[in-house]
Amino acid sequence: MFKTTHFFFFFFLISVNISLGQKVTSYYLIRHAEKVLTNPNNPNPHLTVKGQKRSLEWKKIFGKIHFDRIYSTSYHRTLETAKPIADERNIEIQKYDPNNLFSENFRKNNIGKTILVVGHSNTTPVLANKIIGRDIYSSIDERIHGYLFFIQIIGKKITYQLLNLE
């Protein structure tokens, strides 16, 4: 399901940045895993079996990463995607409004932290753009669930990478 070979690039970035001795803020942004589509009138579906497997793959991929905070919208599909990761680390999932996440307080409260945010096809790229401060990314195609947006901030320097781990 995932191509984990690309993920080793992240470990390289993390180790280089830590060696600089500066505060590093790292954001990992993902879209929820596959949701049940049988009822188009249901605005809050659960994950499919494939989505549940993907959420466990995310847990494996993020296995060596220490998250300080995990954010998710209050929808079943995002919470169910974040839950295996949060449970393994004994971190409470902090719910957020996808239209009102990135603010000055959010930025300040997460300086020097490693954050996972589980969002949606239309909100995850918007959040990435707000963190970066530029419009780089557009909405994610509904069929894609394996994008990982990785953003690091060291002082005033911002680096970012989009990986497709499908």
Protein backbone atom coordinates (compact mmCIF):
# COMPACT_ATOMS: atom_id res chain seq x y z
CA MET A 1 0.00 0.00 0.00
CA PHE A 2 2.76 2.48 0.94
CA LYS A 3 6.17 3.07 -0.51
CA THR A 4 8.20 3.47 2.64
CA THR A 5 11.54 3.89 0.90
CA HIS A 6 10.76 7.56 0.33
CA PHE A 7 10.11 7.99 4.01
CA PHE A 8 13.78 7.57 4.93
CA PHE A 9 14.26 11.03 3.44
CA PHE A 10 12.36 12.39 6.45
CA PHE A 11 14.72 10.77 8.92
CA PHE A 12 17.60 12.43 7.10
CA LEU A 13 15.92 15.82 7.29
CA ILE A 14 15.09 15.41 10.94
CA SER A 15 18.61 14.35 11.91
CA VAL A 16 20.22 17.20 9.97
CA ASN A 17 17.94 19.79 11.54
CA ILE A 18 18.36 18.47 15.08
CA SER A 19 22.12 18.67 14.70
CA LEU A 20 21.86 22.40 14.03
CA GLY A 21 20.92 22.93 17.67
CA GLN A 22 17.91 25.12 16.85
CA LYS A 23 14.27 24.68 17.78
CA VAL A 24 12.63 22.62 15.08
CA THR A 25 8.88 22.67 14.51
CA SER A 26 7.71 19.74 12.40
CA TYR A 27 4.25 19.32 10.92
CA TYR A 28 3.06 16.05 9.42
CA LEU A 29 -0.25 16.56 7.62
CA ILE A 30 -2.28 13.68 6.23
CA ARG A 31 -5.73 13.18 4.86
CA HIS A 32 -8.06 10.66 6.48
CA ALA A 33 -8.00 7.11 5.15
CA GLU A 34 -10.66 5.62 2.86
CA LYS A 35 -14.22 6.19 4.05
CA VAL A 36 -17.43 4.27 3.48
CA LEU A 37 -19.21 5.69 0.42
CA THR A 38 -22.38 3.56 0.39
CA ASN A 39 -24.62 6.35 1.70
CA PRO A 40 -23.96 9.70 -0.02
CA ASN A 41 -26.31 11.41 2.45
CA ASN A 42 -24.14 10.46 5.43
CA PRO A 43 -21.82 13.42 6.20
CA ASN A 44 -19.92 11.45 8.84
CA PRO A 45 -19.01 7.97 7.55
CA HIS A 46 -16.59 5.56 9.19
CA LEU A 47 -13.50 4.07 7.56
CA THR A 48 -13.72 1.11 5.21
CA VAL A 49 -11.68 -2.03 5.89
CA LYS A 50 -9.07 -0.65 3.47
CA GLY A 51 -9.12 2.63 5.39
CA GLN A 52 -8.60 0.81 8.68
CA LYS A 53 -5.59 -0.98 7.17
CA ARG A 54 -4.23 2.35 5.93
CA SER A 55 -4.54 3.88 9.40
CA LEU A 56 -2.41 0.99 10.73
CA GLU A 57 0.12 1.61 7.94
CA TRP A 58 0.33 5.26 9.00
CA LYS A 59 1.04 4.06 12.53
CA LYS A 60 3.87 1.89 11.19
CA ILE A 61 5.27 4.67 9.00
CA PHE A 62 5.25 7.13 11.91
CA GLY A 63 6.60 4.49 14.31
CA LYS A 64 9.94 6.22 15.00
CA ILE A 65 8.51 9.74 15.18
CA HIS A 66 7.73 11.24 18.56
CA PHE A 67 4.60 13.37 18.25
CA ASP A 68 3.96 16.02 20.87
CA ARG A 69 0.41 16.61 19.67
CA ILE A 70 -2.09 14.97 17.35
CA TYR A 71 -4.94 17.01 15.87
CA SER A 72 -8.02 15.71 14.08
CA THR A 73 -11.37 17.04 13.02
CA SER A 74 -14.32 15.55 14.90
CA TYR A 75 -15.41 13.33 11.99
CA HIS A 76 -15.32 9.54 12.40
CA ARG A 77 -12.97 9.09 9.43
CA THR A 78 -10.28 11.48 10.71
CA LEU A 79 -10.51 10.28 14.31
CA GLU A 80 -10.31 6.65 13.18
CA THR A 81 -7.25 7.48 11.06
CA ALA A 82 -5.49 9.19 13.99
CA LYS A 83 -6.55 6.73 16.70
CA PRO A 84 -3.97 3.93 16.16
CA ILE A 85 -1.15 6.48 16.27
CA ALA A 86 -2.54 8.29 19.31
CA ASP A 87 -3.29 5.05 21.17
CA GLU A 88 0.21 3.69 20.63
CA ARG A 89 1.72 6.88 22.05
CA ASN A 90 -0.92 7.50 24.71
CA ILE A 91 -1.61 10.98 23.27
CA GLU A 92 -5.06 12.51 23.47
CA ILE A 93 -6.35 13.55 20.06
CA GLN A 94 -7.11 17.26 20.05
CA LYS A 95 -10.14 18.07 17.95
CA TYR A 96 -10.10 21.13 15.74
CA ASP A 97 -12.35 23.04 13.40
CA PRO A 98 -10.85 22.51 9.92
CA ASN A 99 -11.83 26.04 8.95
CA ASN A 100 -10.15 27.60 11.96
CA LEU A 101 -7.00 25.68 12.87
CA PHE A 102 -4.03 27.75 11.89
CA SER A 103 -3.83 30.89 13.97
CA GLU A 104 -1.12 32.82 15.74
CA ASN A 105 -1.92 30.91 18.95
CA PHE A 106 -1.68 27.56 17.16
CA ARG A 107 1.67 28.57 15.69
CA LYS A 108 3.06 29.81 19.02
CA ASN A 109 1.78 26.83 21.02
CA ASN A 110 3.52 24.40 18.68
CA ILE A 111 6.95 26.01 18.29
CA GLY A 112 9.60 23.35 18.79
CA LYS A 113 6.99 20.56 18.69
CA THR A 114 6.31 17.69 16.32
CA ILE A 115 2.69 17.73 15.24
CA LEU A 116 0.43 15.34 13.33
CA VAL A 117 -2.72 16.79 11.79
CA VAL A 118 -5.32 14.51 10.21
CA GLY A 119 -7.64 16.42 7.91
CA HIS A 120 -9.57 16.25 4.65
CA SER A 121 -8.90 16.47 0.92
CA ASN A 122 -9.88 20.13 0.82
CA THR A 123 -8.51 21.30 4.20
CA THR A 124 -5.11 19.59 4.50
CA PRO A 125 -3.55 21.46 1.53
CA VAL A 126 -5.05 24.73 2.81
CA LEU A 127 -3.43 24.18 6.20
CA ALA A 128 -0.11 23.32 4.55
CA ASN A 129 -0.29 26.56 2.56
CA LYS A 130 -1.05 28.59 5.69
CA ILE A 131 1.89 27.10 7.57
CA ILE A 132 4.21 27.68 4.62
CA GLY A 133 2.84 31.17 3.98
CA ARG A 134 2.37 30.59 0.24
CA ASP A 135 -0.23 28.96 -1.99
CA ILE A 136 1.64 25.87 -3.12
CA TYR A 137 -0.89 23.04 -2.83
CA SER A 138 -4.45 22.59 -4.10
CA SER A 139 -7.17 20.17 -3.02
CA ILE A 140 -6.35 16.47 -3.02
CA ASP A 141 -8.13 14.23 -5.51
CA GLU A 142 -10.83 12.21 -3.71
CA ARG A 143 -9.14 8.95 -4.77
CA ILE A 144 -5.81 9.79 -3.10
CA HIS A 145 -5.34 8.95 0.58
CA GLY A 146 -1.58 8.50 0.82
CA TYR A 147 -0.27 12.07 0.62
CA LEU A 148 2.03 13.17 3.41
CA PHE A 149 2.75 16.88 3.69
CA PHE A 150 5.90 17.41 5.75
CA ILE A 151 6.79 20.94 6.85
CA GLN A 152 9.65 21.99 9.08
CA ILE A 153 10.31 25.42 10.50
CA ILE A 154 13.72 26.33 11.89
CA GLY A 155 13.82 29.96 12.93
CA LYS A 156 12.46 31.77 9.88
CA LYS A 157 13.41 29.05 7.42
CA ILE A 158 10.56 26.85 6.19
CA THR A 159 11.12 23.64 4.25
CA TYR A 160 8.37 21.49 2.86
CA GLN A 161 7.91 18.24 1.01
CA LEU A 162 4.92 16.36 -0.37
CA LEU A 163 5.23 12.60 -0.60
CA ASN A 164 2.77 10.26 -2.23
CA LEU A 165 2.90 7.05 -0.19
CA GLU A 166 0.16 5.27 -2.15
